[in-house]
Amino acid sequence: MNITLIGMPACGKSMTGLMMAKKFGYNYIDTDLLIQGRENKRLFEILDEYGPDEFNQIEEEVIASIRTVNTIIATGGSAIYGPRAMKNLAEMSTIVYIELTCETIIERLGDFALRGISLQPGETIQDIYDRRVPLYQKFAHITVNTEGLTLDESCDKIMEAVNERAGK
């Protein structure tokens, strides 16, 4: 069984995924790191060089090629724009949307210029939040609100939801 974490940038996918892998004995993949490794550049450099549309194509190719078992997969916030990527993830994992308010996301992001967020010119964080949330909800098998929770509490709440869905 794999567990895939989706959600907005700064919702905690990478940190939660890494802690879940350690805590529950899973392997761990961060798709942002796979993209950086493939392109030999940091995310913001890829976005600067190719733009958001080509970045999203690269992200889709990378995620669509993942084959793994017993792994926590932390995706980039824009993974939901790749139909082939989401189909692959849905077939091999339970997809969990880590839900937070836009206010919390903005607070956590701080200066997002160096984060490598796939934004169209002139878009705000609120704009992408409004556009992405329905897609996160569409692709998620489970939605877990982690507002106000510690990292450890978030891990436990997500695993409880996954186990409940699996009938454990």
N, C-alpha and C. Protein backbone atom coordinates (compact mmCIF):
# COMPACT_ATOMS: atom_id res chain seq x y z
N MET A 1 0.84 -1.19 0.00
CA MET A 1 0.00 0.00 0.00
C MET A 1 0.88 1.25 0.00
N ASN A 2 0.55 2.18 -0.87
CA ASN A 2 1.20 3.48 -0.89
C ASN A 2 0.21 4.54 -0.41
N ILE A 3 0.75 5.64 0.09
CA ILE A 3 -0.07 6.79 0.49
C ILE A 3 0.52 8.00 -0.21
N THR A 4 -0.32 8.72 -0.94
CA THR A 4 0.11 9.93 -1.64
C THR A 4 -0.50 11.14 -0.96
N LEU A 5 0.33 12.14 -0.70
CA LEU A 5 -0.11 13.38 -0.07
C LEU A 5 -0.19 14.48 -1.13
N ILE A 6 -1.37 15.11 -1.22
CA ILE A 6 -1.55 16.24 -2.13
C ILE A 6 -2.04 17.44 -1.33
N GLY A 7 -1.88 18.62 -1.89
CA GLY A 7 -2.35 19.82 -1.23
C GLY A 7 -1.52 21.02 -1.66
N MET A 8 -1.91 22.15 -1.12
CA MET A 8 -1.25 23.41 -1.45
C MET A 8 0.21 23.41 -1.00
N PRO A 9 1.04 24.24 -1.65
CA PRO A 9 2.39 24.44 -1.13
C PRO A 9 2.30 24.89 0.33
N ALA A 10 3.19 24.41 1.15
CA ALA A 10 3.30 24.76 2.57
C ALA A 10 2.23 24.12 3.45
N CYS A 11 1.47 23.16 2.90
CA CYS A 11 0.48 22.48 3.76
C CYS A 11 1.15 21.40 4.60
N GLY A 12 2.40 21.07 4.27
CA GLY A 12 3.13 20.09 5.08
C GLY A 12 3.32 18.74 4.44
N LYS A 13 3.13 18.63 3.14
CA LYS A 13 3.24 17.33 2.47
C LYS A 13 4.61 16.68 2.67
N SER A 14 5.67 17.45 2.44
CA SER A 14 7.02 16.87 2.53
C SER A 14 7.39 16.48 3.96
N MET A 15 7.19 17.39 4.89
CA MET A 15 7.55 17.10 6.28
C MET A 15 6.66 15.99 6.86
N THR A 16 5.38 16.06 6.58
CA THR A 16 4.46 15.03 7.07
C THR A 16 4.80 13.69 6.45
N GLY A 17 5.05 13.69 5.14
CA GLY A 17 5.39 12.44 4.45
C GLY A 17 6.64 11.80 5.00
N LEU A 18 7.67 12.60 5.22
CA LEU A 18 8.92 12.08 5.76
C LEU A 18 8.72 11.51 7.17
N MET A 19 7.99 12.25 8.00
CA MET A 19 7.75 11.76 9.36
C MET A 19 6.89 10.50 9.36
N MET A 20 5.88 10.46 8.49
CA MET A 20 5.04 9.26 8.39
C MET A 20 5.87 8.05 7.97
N ALA A 21 6.77 8.26 7.01
CA ALA A 21 7.62 7.15 6.55
C ALA A 21 8.45 6.61 7.70
N LYS A 22 9.05 7.49 8.47
CA LYS A 22 9.87 7.06 9.60
C LYS A 22 9.01 6.40 10.69
N LYS A 23 7.90 7.04 11.00
CA LYS A 23 7.06 6.60 12.11
C LYS A 23 6.36 5.26 11.84
N PHE A 24 5.94 5.06 10.59
CA PHE A 24 5.13 3.89 10.27
C PHE A 24 5.86 2.86 9.39
N GLY A 25 7.15 3.10 9.12
CA GLY A 25 7.95 2.11 8.41
C GLY A 25 7.75 2.05 6.91
N TYR A 26 7.45 3.17 6.29
CA TYR A 26 7.29 3.24 4.85
C TYR A 26 8.56 3.77 4.18
N ASN A 27 8.67 3.57 2.88
CA ASN A 27 9.66 4.26 2.08
C ASN A 27 9.12 5.68 1.85
N TYR A 28 9.94 6.53 1.25
CA TYR A 28 9.52 7.93 1.05
C TYR A 28 10.01 8.45 -0.29
N ILE A 29 9.11 9.09 -1.02
CA ILE A 29 9.44 9.78 -2.27
C ILE A 29 8.87 11.19 -2.21
N ASP A 30 9.69 12.18 -2.53
CA ASP A 30 9.24 13.55 -2.69
C ASP A 30 9.35 13.86 -4.18
N THR A 31 8.22 14.06 -4.85
CA THR A 31 8.26 14.22 -6.30
C THR A 31 8.99 15.50 -6.72
N ASP A 32 8.99 16.52 -5.87
CA ASP A 32 9.76 17.73 -6.18
C ASP A 32 11.25 17.39 -6.31
N LEU A 33 11.74 16.51 -5.44
CA LEU A 33 13.15 16.11 -5.51
C LEU A 33 13.43 15.27 -6.75
N LEU A 34 12.47 14.45 -7.15
CA LEU A 34 12.64 13.68 -8.40
C LEU A 34 12.75 14.62 -9.59
N ILE A 35 11.90 15.66 -9.61
CA ILE A 35 11.93 16.65 -10.71
C ILE A 35 13.27 17.38 -10.72
N GLN A 36 13.70 17.82 -9.55
CA GLN A 36 14.98 18.52 -9.46
C GLN A 36 16.12 17.61 -9.92
N GLY A 37 16.09 16.34 -9.55
CA GLY A 37 17.13 15.41 -9.96
C GLY A 37 17.14 15.18 -11.45
N ARG A 38 15.97 15.04 -12.02
CA ARG A 38 15.88 14.82 -13.48
C ARG A 38 16.41 16.02 -14.26
N GLU A 39 16.05 17.22 -13.81
CA GLU A 39 16.42 18.44 -14.53
C GLU A 39 17.75 19.03 -14.06
N ASN A 40 18.27 18.52 -12.96
CA ASN A 40 19.51 19.03 -12.37
C ASN A 40 19.43 20.53 -12.08
N LYS A 41 18.26 20.96 -11.59
CA LYS A 41 18.01 22.36 -11.25
C LYS A 41 17.01 22.38 -10.10
N ARG A 42 17.01 23.49 -9.36
CA ARG A 42 16.00 23.67 -8.32
C ARG A 42 14.67 24.05 -8.98
N LEU A 43 13.57 23.81 -8.26
CA LEU A 43 12.24 24.03 -8.83
C LEU A 43 12.07 25.44 -9.38
N PHE A 44 12.48 26.44 -8.61
CA PHE A 44 12.27 27.81 -9.07
C PHE A 44 13.10 28.11 -10.32
N GLU A 45 14.25 27.43 -10.47
CA GLU A 45 15.06 27.61 -11.68
C GLU A 45 14.37 26.97 -12.89
N ILE A 46 13.75 25.83 -12.68
CA ILE A 46 13.01 25.17 -13.75
C ILE A 46 11.84 26.05 -14.18
N LEU A 47 11.12 26.58 -13.20
CA LEU A 47 9.99 27.46 -13.50
C LEU A 47 10.45 28.72 -14.23
N ASP A 48 11.55 29.30 -13.78
CA ASP A 48 12.08 30.51 -14.43
C ASP A 48 12.48 30.23 -15.88
N GLU A 49 13.11 29.07 -16.09
CA GLU A 49 13.61 28.76 -17.42
C GLU A 49 12.51 28.32 -18.39
N TYR A 50 11.60 27.47 -17.92
CA TYR A 50 10.60 26.87 -18.81
C TYR A 50 9.20 27.44 -18.68
N GLY A 51 8.89 28.08 -17.56
CA GLY A 51 7.54 28.57 -17.33
C GLY A 51 6.66 27.51 -16.70
N PRO A 52 5.49 27.93 -16.18
CA PRO A 52 4.63 27.00 -15.44
C PRO A 52 4.04 25.87 -16.29
N ASP A 53 3.72 26.13 -17.55
CA ASP A 53 3.09 25.09 -18.36
C ASP A 53 4.06 23.94 -18.64
N GLU A 54 5.29 24.26 -19.02
CA GLU A 54 6.27 23.21 -19.28
C GLU A 54 6.68 22.52 -17.98
N PHE A 55 6.77 23.29 -16.89
CA PHE A 55 7.05 22.68 -15.58
C PHE A 55 5.99 21.63 -15.26
N ASN A 56 4.72 21.98 -15.48
CA ASN A 56 3.64 21.04 -15.18
C ASN A 56 3.74 19.78 -16.04
N GLN A 57 4.21 19.91 -17.28
CA GLN A 57 4.40 18.73 -18.15
C GLN A 57 5.51 17.84 -17.60
N ILE A 58 6.60 18.47 -17.16
CA ILE A 58 7.70 17.71 -16.57
C ILE A 58 7.22 16.97 -15.32
N GLU A 59 6.49 17.70 -14.47
CA GLU A 59 5.96 17.10 -13.24
C GLU A 59 5.06 15.91 -13.56
N GLU A 60 4.20 16.06 -14.56
CA GLU A 60 3.30 14.97 -14.93
C GLU A 60 4.09 13.74 -15.39
N GLU A 61 5.10 13.95 -16.23
CA GLU A 61 5.92 12.83 -16.72
C GLU A 61 6.62 12.11 -15.57
N VAL A 62 7.18 12.88 -14.66
CA VAL A 62 7.91 12.29 -13.54
C VAL A 62 6.96 11.47 -12.66
N ILE A 63 5.82 12.03 -12.32
CA ILE A 63 4.89 11.33 -11.42
C ILE A 63 4.24 10.14 -12.13
N ALA A 64 3.95 10.26 -13.42
CA ALA A 64 3.34 9.15 -14.16
C ALA A 64 4.29 7.96 -14.26
N SER A 65 5.58 8.20 -14.09
CA SER A 65 6.56 7.11 -14.22
C SER A 65 6.88 6.42 -12.90
N ILE A 66 6.34 6.88 -11.80
CA ILE A 66 6.63 6.28 -10.49
C ILE A 66 6.02 4.89 -10.40
N ARG A 67 6.85 3.94 -9.98
CA ARG A 67 6.41 2.58 -9.68
C ARG A 67 7.02 2.24 -8.32
N THR A 68 6.18 2.03 -7.34
CA THR A 68 6.69 1.79 -5.99
C THR A 68 5.66 1.04 -5.15
N VAL A 69 6.11 0.51 -4.04
CA VAL A 69 5.22 -0.12 -3.06
C VAL A 69 5.64 0.31 -1.66
N ASN A 70 4.69 0.28 -0.74
CA ASN A 70 4.94 0.60 0.66
C ASN A 70 5.66 1.94 0.82
N THR A 71 5.14 2.96 0.14
CA THR A 71 5.81 4.25 0.07
C THR A 71 4.85 5.40 0.35
N ILE A 72 5.34 6.39 1.07
CA ILE A 72 4.64 7.66 1.22
C ILE A 72 5.17 8.55 0.09
N ILE A 73 4.27 9.09 -0.71
CA ILE A 73 4.64 9.94 -1.84
C ILE A 73 4.14 11.36 -1.56
N ALA A 74 5.08 12.29 -1.42
CA ALA A 74 4.73 13.70 -1.24
C ALA A 74 4.85 14.36 -2.60
N THR A 75 3.75 14.95 -3.07
CA THR A 75 3.74 15.56 -4.39
C THR A 75 3.90 17.07 -4.28
N GLY A 76 4.23 17.68 -5.41
CA GLY A 76 4.19 19.14 -5.48
C GLY A 76 2.75 19.59 -5.54
N GLY A 77 2.50 20.83 -5.18
CA GLY A 77 1.13 21.35 -5.14
C GLY A 77 0.43 21.34 -6.47
N SER A 78 1.19 21.36 -7.57
CA SER A 78 0.58 21.41 -8.90
C SER A 78 0.44 20.04 -9.55
N ALA A 79 0.71 18.97 -8.82
CA ALA A 79 0.60 17.62 -9.38
C ALA A 79 -0.79 17.35 -9.95
N ILE A 80 -1.79 17.98 -9.38
CA ILE A 80 -3.18 17.75 -9.78
C ILE A 80 -3.48 18.25 -11.19
N TYR A 81 -2.56 18.98 -11.80
CA TYR A 81 -2.75 19.43 -13.18
C TYR A 81 -2.38 18.37 -14.20
N GLY A 82 -1.80 17.26 -13.77
CA GLY A 82 -1.37 16.21 -14.68
C GLY A 82 -2.28 15.00 -14.62
N PRO A 83 -3.19 14.84 -15.58
CA PRO A 83 -4.13 13.71 -15.54
C PRO A 83 -3.44 12.34 -15.49
N ARG A 84 -2.37 12.16 -16.27
CA ARG A 84 -1.66 10.87 -16.26
C ARG A 84 -1.01 10.63 -14.90
N ALA A 85 -0.49 11.70 -14.32
CA ALA A 85 0.14 11.58 -13.00
C ALA A 85 -0.89 11.17 -11.95
N MET A 86 -2.03 11.82 -11.96
CA MET A 86 -3.05 11.53 -10.95
C MET A 86 -3.65 10.14 -11.16
N LYS A 87 -3.77 9.73 -12.41
CA LYS A 87 -4.27 8.38 -12.69
C LYS A 87 -3.30 7.34 -12.12
N ASN A 88 -2.01 7.55 -12.34
CA ASN A 88 -1.00 6.63 -11.81
C ASN A 88 -1.07 6.58 -10.28
N LEU A 89 -1.14 7.74 -9.66
CA LEU A 89 -1.19 7.79 -8.19
C LEU A 89 -2.45 7.12 -7.65
N ALA A 90 -3.59 7.36 -8.31
CA ALA A 90 -4.86 6.78 -7.85
C ALA A 90 -4.86 5.26 -7.95
N GLU A 91 -4.18 4.74 -8.97
CA GLU A 91 -4.15 3.29 -9.17
C GLU A 91 -3.25 2.57 -8.18
N MET A 92 -2.24 3.28 -7.64
CA MET A 92 -1.27 2.58 -6.78
C MET A 92 -1.26 3.08 -5.35
N SER A 93 -2.16 4.02 -5.00
CA SER A 93 -2.10 4.55 -3.64
C SER A 93 -3.43 5.10 -3.17
N THR A 94 -3.47 5.35 -1.88
CA THR A 94 -4.56 6.12 -1.30
C THR A 94 -4.10 7.57 -1.33
N ILE A 95 -4.90 8.43 -1.97
CA ILE A 95 -4.54 9.84 -2.10
C ILE A 95 -5.20 10.63 -0.98
N VAL A 96 -4.37 11.34 -0.23
CA VAL A 96 -4.83 12.13 0.91
C VAL A 96 -4.59 13.61 0.63
N TYR A 97 -5.67 14.38 0.67
CA TYR A 97 -5.58 15.83 0.53
C TYR A 97 -5.39 16.43 1.92
N ILE A 98 -4.25 17.09 2.13
CA ILE A 98 -3.99 17.79 3.39
C ILE A 98 -4.60 19.18 3.27
N GLU A 99 -5.68 19.38 3.98
CA GLU A 99 -6.49 20.60 3.86
C GLU A 99 -6.10 21.62 4.94
N LEU A 100 -5.88 22.84 4.49
CA LEU A 100 -5.65 23.99 5.38
C LEU A 100 -6.34 25.20 4.76
N THR A 101 -6.58 26.21 5.57
CA THR A 101 -7.16 27.45 5.03
C THR A 101 -6.12 28.20 4.21
N CYS A 102 -6.59 29.04 3.32
CA CYS A 102 -5.68 29.86 2.52
C CYS A 102 -4.86 30.78 3.42
N GLU A 103 -5.46 31.28 4.47
CA GLU A 103 -4.76 32.17 5.40
C GLU A 103 -3.55 31.46 6.03
N THR A 104 -3.74 30.22 6.42
CA THR A 104 -2.64 29.45 7.00
C THR A 104 -1.55 29.20 5.96
N ILE A 105 -1.95 28.88 4.74
CA ILE A 105 -0.98 28.64 3.66
C ILE A 105 -0.15 29.90 3.44
N ILE A 106 -0.80 31.04 3.33
CA ILE A 106 -0.09 32.31 3.08
C ILE A 106 0.86 32.61 4.23
N GLU A 107 0.41 32.37 5.45
CA GLU A 107 1.25 32.58 6.64
C GLU A 107 2.50 31.71 6.59
N ARG A 108 2.33 30.44 6.24
CA ARG A 108 3.45 29.50 6.20
C ARG A 108 4.40 29.76 5.04
N LEU A 109 3.87 30.24 3.93
CA LEU A 109 4.70 30.44 2.73
C LEU A 109 5.74 31.53 2.90
N GLY A 110 5.37 32.62 3.55
CA GLY A 110 6.29 33.75 3.63
C GLY A 110 6.66 34.21 2.23
N ASP A 111 7.95 34.39 1.96
CA ASP A 111 8.40 34.78 0.62
C ASP A 111 8.44 33.53 -0.24
N PHE A 112 7.47 33.42 -1.14
CA PHE A 112 7.36 32.20 -1.94
C PHE A 112 8.14 32.25 -3.25
N ALA A 113 8.87 33.31 -3.50
CA ALA A 113 9.60 33.45 -4.76
C ALA A 113 10.61 32.33 -4.98
N LEU A 114 11.22 31.83 -3.90
CA LEU A 114 12.24 30.79 -4.03
C LEU A 114 11.69 29.37 -3.80
N ARG A 115 10.40 29.26 -3.64
CA ARG A 115 9.80 27.94 -3.36
C ARG A 115 9.54 27.12 -4.59
N GLY A 116 9.44 27.74 -5.74
CA GLY A 116 9.14 26.98 -6.94
C GLY A 116 7.67 26.66 -7.06
N ILE A 117 6.83 27.67 -6.93
CA ILE A 117 5.39 27.48 -7.03
C ILE A 117 4.96 27.79 -8.46
N SER A 118 4.20 26.87 -9.04
CA SER A 118 3.74 27.02 -10.41
C SER A 118 2.58 28.01 -10.48
N LEU A 119 2.94 29.27 -10.75
CA LEU A 119 1.96 30.36 -10.85
C LEU A 119 1.96 30.92 -12.27
N GLN A 120 0.80 31.25 -12.77
CA GLN A 120 0.73 31.99 -14.03
C GLN A 120 1.03 33.46 -13.72
N PRO A 121 1.51 34.22 -14.71
CA PRO A 121 1.80 35.64 -14.47
C PRO A 121 0.59 36.37 -13.88
N GLY A 122 0.84 37.13 -12.81
CA GLY A 122 -0.22 37.91 -12.17
C GLY A 122 -1.08 37.16 -11.17
N GLU A 123 -0.87 35.86 -11.04
CA GLU A 123 -1.67 35.08 -10.10
C GLU A 123 -1.22 35.29 -8.67
N THR A 124 -2.17 35.23 -7.74
CA THR A 124 -1.87 35.30 -6.32
C THR A 124 -2.04 33.91 -5.70
N ILE A 125 -1.58 33.78 -4.48
CA ILE A 125 -1.78 32.52 -3.76
C ILE A 125 -3.28 32.24 -3.61
N GLN A 126 -4.07 33.26 -3.34
CA GLN A 126 -5.52 33.07 -3.24
C GLN A 126 -6.10 32.55 -4.56
N ASP A 127 -5.60 33.06 -5.68
CA ASP A 127 -6.07 32.59 -6.99
C ASP A 127 -5.80 31.11 -7.18
N ILE A 128 -4.56 30.67 -6.87
CA ILE A 128 -4.28 29.25 -7.08
C ILE A 128 -5.00 28.38 -6.05
N TYR A 129 -5.16 28.90 -4.85
CA TYR A 129 -5.93 28.17 -3.83
C TYR A 129 -7.35 27.92 -4.34
N ASP A 130 -7.98 28.98 -4.83
CA ASP A 130 -9.37 28.86 -5.32
C ASP A 130 -9.48 27.91 -6.51
N ARG A 131 -8.46 27.88 -7.36
CA ARG A 131 -8.48 27.02 -8.53
C ARG A 131 -8.13 25.57 -8.18
N ARG A 132 -7.21 25.39 -7.23
CA ARG A 132 -6.73 24.04 -6.94
C ARG A 132 -7.59 23.25 -5.96
N VAL A 133 -8.19 23.90 -4.99
CA VAL A 133 -8.94 23.16 -3.97
C VAL A 133 -9.98 22.21 -4.58
N PRO A 134 -10.78 22.64 -5.56
CA PRO A 134 -11.72 21.68 -6.15
C PRO A 134 -11.03 20.47 -6.79
N LEU A 135 -9.82 20.68 -7.33
CA LEU A 135 -9.08 19.56 -7.93
C LEU A 135 -8.52 18.64 -6.85
N TYR A 136 -8.01 19.20 -5.76
CA TYR A 136 -7.56 18.36 -4.65
C TYR A 136 -8.72 17.50 -4.15
N GLN A 137 -9.89 18.12 -4.00
CA GLN A 137 -11.06 17.40 -3.51
C GLN A 137 -11.50 16.32 -4.50
N LYS A 138 -11.39 16.61 -5.77
CA LYS A 138 -11.77 15.66 -6.82
C LYS A 138 -10.89 14.41 -6.80
N PHE A 139 -9.58 14.59 -6.67
CA PHE A 139 -8.65 13.48 -6.77
C PHE A 139 -8.43 12.73 -5.47
N ALA A 140 -8.73 13.35 -4.35
CA ALA A 140 -8.45 12.75 -3.04
C ALA A 140 -9.43 11.61 -2.73
N HIS A 141 -8.88 10.53 -2.22
CA HIS A 141 -9.71 9.47 -1.65
C HIS A 141 -10.15 9.88 -0.25
N ILE A 142 -9.29 10.66 0.42
CA ILE A 142 -9.52 11.10 1.79
C ILE A 142 -9.07 12.55 1.90
N THR A 143 -9.84 13.35 2.63
CA THR A 143 -9.43 14.72 2.97
C THR A 143 -9.21 14.78 4.47
N VAL A 144 -8.04 15.30 4.87
CA VAL A 144 -7.73 15.42 6.29
C VAL A 144 -7.36 16.87 6.57
N ASN A 145 -8.15 17.50 7.43
CA ASN A 145 -7.86 18.87 7.82
C ASN A 145 -6.85 18.82 8.97
N THR A 146 -5.71 19.49 8.77
CA THR A 146 -4.65 19.48 9.78
C THR A 146 -4.47 20.85 10.43
N GLU A 147 -5.45 21.70 10.27
CA GLU A 147 -5.40 23.05 10.85
C GLU A 147 -5.14 22.97 12.35
N GLY A 148 -4.09 23.62 12.81
CA GLY A 148 -3.78 23.70 14.23
C GLY A 148 -3.13 22.47 14.84
N LEU A 149 -2.83 21.46 14.03
CA LEU A 149 -2.23 20.24 14.54
C LEU A 149 -0.71 20.31 14.46
N THR A 150 -0.05 19.60 15.36
CA THR A 150 1.40 19.45 15.28
C THR A 150 1.70 18.47 14.14
N LEU A 151 2.95 18.36 13.77
CA LEU A 151 3.36 17.42 12.73
C LEU A 151 3.02 15.99 13.15
N ASP A 152 3.31 15.66 14.39
CA ASP A 152 3.03 14.32 14.89
C ASP A 152 1.53 14.03 14.88
N GLU A 153 0.73 15.00 15.32
CA GLU A 153 -0.73 14.83 15.31
C GLU A 153 -1.27 14.69 13.90
N SER A 154 -0.69 15.44 12.96
CA SER A 154 -1.11 15.34 11.55
C SER A 154 -0.83 13.95 11.01
N CYS A 155 0.36 13.42 11.29
CA CYS A 155 0.71 12.06 10.85
C CYS A 155 -0.28 11.03 11.37
N ASP A 156 -0.57 11.11 12.65
CA ASP A 156 -1.50 10.15 13.26
C ASP A 156 -2.89 10.27 12.66
N LYS A 157 -3.36 11.50 12.47
CA LYS A 157 -4.70 11.72 11.93
C LYS A 157 -4.81 11.18 10.50
N ILE A 158 -3.78 11.40 9.71
CA ILE A 158 -3.77 10.90 8.33
C ILE A 158 -3.76 9.38 8.33
N MET A 159 -2.90 8.76 9.14
CA MET A 159 -2.81 7.30 9.16
C MET A 159 -4.11 6.68 9.67
N GLU A 160 -4.74 7.31 10.66
CA GLU A 160 -6.04 6.82 11.15
C GLU A 160 -7.06 6.83 10.01
N ALA A 161 -7.09 7.91 9.23
CA ALA A 161 -8.04 8.03 8.12
C ALA A 161 -7.76 6.98 7.04
N VAL A 162 -6.48 6.76 6.74
CA VAL A 162 -6.10 5.76 5.74
C VAL A 162 -6.50 4.36 6.22
N ASN A 163 -6.21 4.06 7.48
CA ASN A 163 -6.56 2.75 8.02
C ASN A 163 -8.07 2.55 8.07
N GLU A 164 -8.79 3.58 8.41
CA GLU A 164 -10.26 3.50 8.43
C GLU A 164 -10.80 3.21 7.03
N ARG A 165 -10.25 3.88 6.03
CA ARG A 165 -10.67 3.65 4.65
C ARG A 165 -10.36 2.21 4.23
N ALA A 166 -9.24 1.69 4.70
CA ALA A 166 -8.82 0.33 4.34
C ALA A 166 -9.55 -0.73 5.18
N GLY A 167 -10.34 -0.27 6.15
CA GLY A 167 -11.08 -1.22 6.99
C GLY A 167 -10.26 -1.85 8.07
N LYS A 168 -9.19 -1.17 8.48
CA LYS A 168 -8.31 -1.72 9.52
C LYS A 168 -8.67 -1.18 10.87
